[in-house]
Amino acid sequence: MTEQAATTLVALTPRLRYRAVGDEGVLVHLDRGRVTVVNELGLHIVKLLQQPMSRESLVDAIVAEFEVGVTEAEADLARFLDELAAEQLLAAAD
């Protein structure tokens, strides 16, 4: 991850609602009427993103919570953010 990418803020669209169901999460995009189910890691990231955060801070939080290495956390985060972007669940951070 480049330094610029690491410090770029990531934010969720304000039109996203979520609910925890056990270890999973259900995300609803209010404008699109789409429902997405995410695993425990995805739910953790969504909870963290209630306020915009840098990718670097997200990786640090994943490493601390799930006791994985930085490389694995970066890869998992990149995949999940790509999925959120594809579902139009990310927004520009202010």
Protein backbone atom coordinates (compact mmCIF):
# COMPACT_ATOMS: atom_id res chain seq x y z
CA MET A 1 0.00 0.00 0.00
CA THR A 2 1.42 3.40 -0.94
CA GLU A 3 1.79 6.07 1.72
CA GLN A 4 -0.89 8.19 0.03
CA ALA A 5 -3.31 5.25 -0.14
CA ALA A 6 -2.59 4.41 3.49
CA THR A 7 -3.53 7.90 4.68
CA THR A 8 -6.52 8.43 2.37
CA LEU A 9 -9.73 8.51 4.39
CA VAL A 10 -12.36 5.88 3.72
CA ALA A 11 -16.03 6.57 4.44
CA LEU A 12 -19.35 4.80 4.03
CA THR A 13 -22.23 6.34 2.15
CA PRO A 14 -24.64 8.06 4.54
CA ARG A 15 -27.40 6.05 2.83
CA LEU A 16 -26.11 2.79 4.37
CA ARG A 17 -27.76 1.13 7.33
CA TYR A 18 -26.50 -2.02 9.01
CA ARG A 19 -27.47 -4.48 11.69
CA ALA A 20 -25.42 -7.14 13.42
CA VAL A 21 -26.92 -10.62 13.31
CA GLY A 22 -24.74 -12.93 15.34
CA ASP A 23 -21.21 -12.73 13.94
CA GLU A 24 -22.44 -11.39 10.59
CA GLY A 25 -23.79 -8.09 9.43
CA VAL A 26 -26.60 -7.11 7.10
CA LEU A 27 -25.97 -3.95 5.09
CA VAL A 28 -28.80 -2.11 3.35
CA HIS A 29 -28.22 0.58 0.73
CA LEU A 30 -31.33 2.72 1.13
CA ASP A 31 -31.22 4.25 -2.37
CA ARG A 32 -30.62 1.01 -4.22
CA GLY A 33 -32.68 -1.28 -2.01
CA ARG A 34 -29.79 -3.75 -2.03
CA VAL A 35 -28.99 -6.02 0.90
CA THR A 36 -25.47 -7.36 1.44
CA VAL A 37 -24.48 -9.91 4.09
CA VAL A 38 -20.94 -9.60 5.46
CA ASN A 39 -18.84 -11.80 7.71
CA GLU A 40 -17.41 -10.90 11.12
CA LEU A 41 -14.48 -8.99 9.61
CA GLY A 42 -16.77 -7.05 7.29
CA LEU A 43 -19.04 -6.15 10.19
CA HIS A 44 -16.05 -4.98 12.22
CA ILE A 45 -14.89 -2.74 9.36
CA VAL A 46 -18.39 -1.29 8.90
CA LYS A 47 -18.56 -0.48 12.61
CA LEU A 48 -15.15 1.21 12.42
CA LEU A 49 -16.27 3.24 9.41
CA GLN A 50 -19.07 4.99 11.26
CA GLN A 51 -16.51 7.80 11.14
CA PRO A 52 -14.10 8.19 8.20
CA MET A 53 -10.80 6.40 8.84
CA SER A 54 -7.54 5.97 7.00
CA ARG A 55 -6.71 2.60 5.48
CA GLU A 56 -3.67 2.52 7.76
CA SER A 57 -5.86 2.93 10.87
CA LEU A 58 -8.25 0.27 9.59
CA VAL A 59 -5.38 -2.17 9.03
CA ASP A 60 -4.07 -1.49 12.55
CA ALA A 61 -7.55 -2.14 14.00
CA ILE A 62 -7.91 -5.40 12.04
CA VAL A 63 -4.49 -6.62 13.18
CA ALA A 64 -5.35 -5.84 16.81
CA GLU A 65 -8.82 -7.41 16.73
CA PHE A 66 -8.17 -10.52 14.65
CA GLU A 67 -4.50 -11.18 15.48
CA VAL A 68 -3.44 -11.43 11.83
CA GLY A 69 -0.37 -10.03 10.13
CA VAL A 70 -0.29 -6.66 8.41
CA THR A 71 -0.03 -8.19 4.92
CA GLU A 72 -3.10 -10.36 5.47
CA ALA A 73 -5.03 -7.45 7.00
CA GLU A 74 -4.16 -5.18 4.05
CA ALA A 75 -5.27 -7.82 1.54
CA ASP A 76 -8.53 -8.53 3.39
CA LEU A 77 -9.27 -4.82 3.73
CA ALA A 78 -8.56 -4.14 0.05
CA ARG A 79 -10.90 -6.98 -1.01
CA PHE A 80 -13.67 -5.79 1.29
CA LEU A 81 -13.38 -2.15 0.24
CA ASP A 82 -13.51 -3.26 -3.41
CA GLU A 83 -16.74 -5.13 -2.63
CA LEU A 84 -18.20 -2.07 -0.89
CA ALA A 85 -17.22 0.12 -3.83
CA ALA A 86 -18.86 -2.29 -6.28
CA GLU A 87 -22.08 -2.05 -4.25
CA GLN A 88 -21.77 1.76 -4.16
CA LEU A 89 -21.47 1.73 -0.37
CA LEU A 90 -18.40 3.97 -0.14
CA ALA A 91 -18.49 7.76 -0.25
CA ALA A 92 -15.93 10.51 -0.51
CA ALA A 93 -14.59 11.36 2.94
CA ASP A 94 -14.65 15.02 3.91
